[in-house]
């Protein structure tokens, strides 16, 4: 399995991360690995927009889309 090494972590950042790992009953390595997995699992805004832009589908004029959104908000 690949590994990652991070150098020059500020002391305060390291201290906070160690405290959070301890509070989660994990080693710092376990804690950071879990956080990295969570980070990689969530798509970025750019990734979501790229996926949405590559989908084929219908076209709705902006005025129609705005009216639909307004109707939905008014029902709430």
C-alpha atoms as a PDB file:
ATOM      1  CA  UNK A   1       0.000   0.000   0.000  1.00  0.00           C
ATOM      2  CA  UNK A   2       1.371   3.467  -0.837  1.00  0.00           C
ATOM      3  CA  UNK A   3       2.413   5.827   1.922  1.00  0.00           C
ATOM      4  CA  UNK A   4       2.402   9.605   2.369  1.00  0.00           C
ATOM      5  CA  UNK A   5       4.847  11.672   4.385  1.00  0.00           C
ATOM      6  CA  UNK A   6       4.196  15.277   5.365  1.00  0.00           C
ATOM      7  CA  UNK A   7       7.104  17.405   6.526  1.00  0.00           C
ATOM      8  CA  UNK A   8       7.276  20.800   8.216  1.00  0.00           C
ATOM      9  CA  UNK A   9       3.925  20.554  10.009  1.00  0.00           C
ATOM     10  CA  UNK A  10       3.565  23.556  12.330  1.00  0.00           C
ATOM     11  CA  UNK A  11       3.898  22.612  16.014  1.00  0.00           C
ATOM     12  CA  UNK A  12       0.438  23.932  16.912  1.00  0.00           C
ATOM     13  CA  UNK A  13      -1.169  21.994  14.056  1.00  0.00           C
ATOM     14  CA  UNK A  14       0.609  18.815  15.122  1.00  0.00           C
ATOM     15  CA  UNK A  15      -0.486  19.305  18.733  1.00  0.00           C
ATOM     16  CA  UNK A  16      -4.129  19.812  17.737  1.00  0.00           C
ATOM     17  CA  UNK A  17      -4.112  16.742  15.512  1.00  0.00           C
ATOM     18  CA  UNK A  18      -2.535  14.604  18.263  1.00  0.00           C
ATOM     19  CA  UNK A  19      -5.213  15.789  20.702  1.00  0.00           C
ATOM     20  CA  UNK A  20      -7.993  14.970  18.223  1.00  0.00           C
ATOM     21  CA  UNK A  21      -6.509  11.537  17.578  1.00  0.00           C
ATOM     22  CA  UNK A  22      -6.312  10.849  21.307  1.00  0.00           C
ATOM     23  CA  UNK A  23      -9.913  11.995  21.786  1.00  0.00           C
ATOM     24  CA  UNK A  24     -10.935   9.535  19.044  1.00  0.00           C
ATOM     25  CA  UNK A  25      -8.915   6.762  20.776  1.00  0.00           C
ATOM     26  CA  UNK A  26      -6.690   6.457  17.719  1.00  0.00           C
ATOM     27  CA  UNK A  27      -3.045   6.870  16.929  1.00  0.00           C
ATOM     28  CA  UNK A  28      -2.151   9.952  14.944  1.00  0.00           C
ATOM     29  CA  UNK A  29      -1.555   7.747  11.902  1.00  0.00           C
ATOM     30  CA  UNK A  30      -4.970   6.071  12.215  1.00  0.00           C
ATOM     31  CA  UNK A  31      -6.678   9.411  12.698  1.00  0.00           C
ATOM     32  CA  UNK A  32      -5.007  11.034   9.706  1.00  0.00           C
ATOM     33  CA  UNK A  33      -5.594   8.002   7.496  1.00  0.00           C
ATOM     34  CA  UNK A  34      -9.313   8.117   8.334  1.00  0.00           C
ATOM     35  CA  UNK A  35      -9.414  11.856   7.555  1.00  0.00           C
ATOM     36  CA  UNK A  36      -7.595  11.349   4.233  1.00  0.00           C
ATOM     37  CA  UNK A  37     -10.007   8.595   3.210  1.00  0.00           C
ATOM     38  CA  UNK A  38     -12.972  10.850   4.056  1.00  0.00           C
ATOM     39  CA  UNK A  39     -11.430  13.716   2.097  1.00  0.00           C
ATOM     40  CA  UNK A  40     -10.824  11.574  -0.985  1.00  0.00           C
ATOM     41  CA  UNK A  41     -14.342  10.089  -0.838  1.00  0.00           C
ATOM     42  CA  UNK A  42     -16.076  13.467  -1.070  1.00  0.00           C
ATOM     43  CA  UNK A  43     -15.990  14.980  -4.562  1.00  0.00           C
ATOM     44  CA  UNK A  44     -14.797  18.545  -4.982  1.00  0.00           C
ATOM     45  CA  UNK A  45     -17.102  21.188  -6.432  1.00  0.00           C
ATOM     46  CA  UNK A  46     -15.118  21.085  -9.674  1.00  0.00           C
ATOM     47  CA  UNK A  47     -15.523  17.301  -9.913  1.00  0.00           C
ATOM     48  CA  UNK A  48     -19.276  17.564  -9.391  1.00  0.00           C
ATOM     49  CA  UNK A  49     -19.566  20.310 -12.000  1.00  0.00           C
ATOM     50  CA  UNK A  50     -17.465  18.328 -14.480  1.00  0.00           C
ATOM     51  CA  UNK A  51     -19.718  15.289 -14.052  1.00  0.00           C
ATOM     52  CA  UNK A  52     -22.862  17.371 -14.351  1.00  0.00           C
ATOM     53  CA  UNK A  53     -21.531  19.126 -17.432  1.00  0.00           C
ATOM     54  CA  UNK A  54     -20.794  15.856 -19.181  1.00  0.00           C
ATOM     55  CA  UNK A  55     -24.338  14.556 -18.808  1.00  0.00           C
ATOM     56  CA  UNK A  56     -26.665  14.760 -21.745  1.00  0.00           C
ATOM     57  CA  UNK A  57     -30.174  15.861 -21.084  1.00  0.00           C
ATOM     58  CA  UNK A  58     -32.868  18.388 -21.758  1.00  0.00           C
ATOM     59  CA  UNK A  59     -32.474  22.107 -21.814  1.00  0.00           C
ATOM     60  CA  UNK A  60     -34.569  24.455 -19.715  1.00  0.00           C
ATOM     61  CA  UNK A  61     -34.559  28.196 -20.245  1.00  0.00           C
ATOM     62  CA  UNK A  62     -33.210  30.098 -17.244  1.00  0.00           C
ATOM     63  CA  UNK A  63     -36.560  31.866 -16.681  1.00  0.00           C
ATOM     64  CA  UNK A  64     -38.351  28.523 -16.502  1.00  0.00           C
ATOM     65  CA  UNK A  65     -35.769  27.120 -14.107  1.00  0.00           C
ATOM     66  CA  UNK A  66     -36.022  30.223 -11.919  1.00  0.00           C
ATOM     67  CA  UNK A  67     -39.826  29.977 -11.862  1.00  0.00           C
ATOM     68  CA  UNK A  68     -39.669  26.313 -10.808  1.00  0.00           C
ATOM     69  CA  UNK A  69     -37.239  27.121  -8.006  1.00  0.00           C
ATOM     70  CA  UNK A  70     -39.419  30.052  -6.855  1.00  0.00           C
ATOM     71  CA  UNK A  71     -42.545  27.843  -6.801  1.00  0.00           C
ATOM     72  CA  UNK A  72     -40.712  25.215  -4.781  1.00  0.00           C
ATOM     73  CA  UNK A  73     -39.494  27.792  -2.263  1.00  0.00           C
ATOM     74  CA  UNK A  74     -42.919  29.366  -1.947  1.00  0.00           C
ATOM     75  CA  UNK A  75     -44.428  25.983  -1.019  1.00  0.00           C
ATOM     76  CA  UNK A  76     -42.121  25.687   1.994  1.00  0.00           C
END
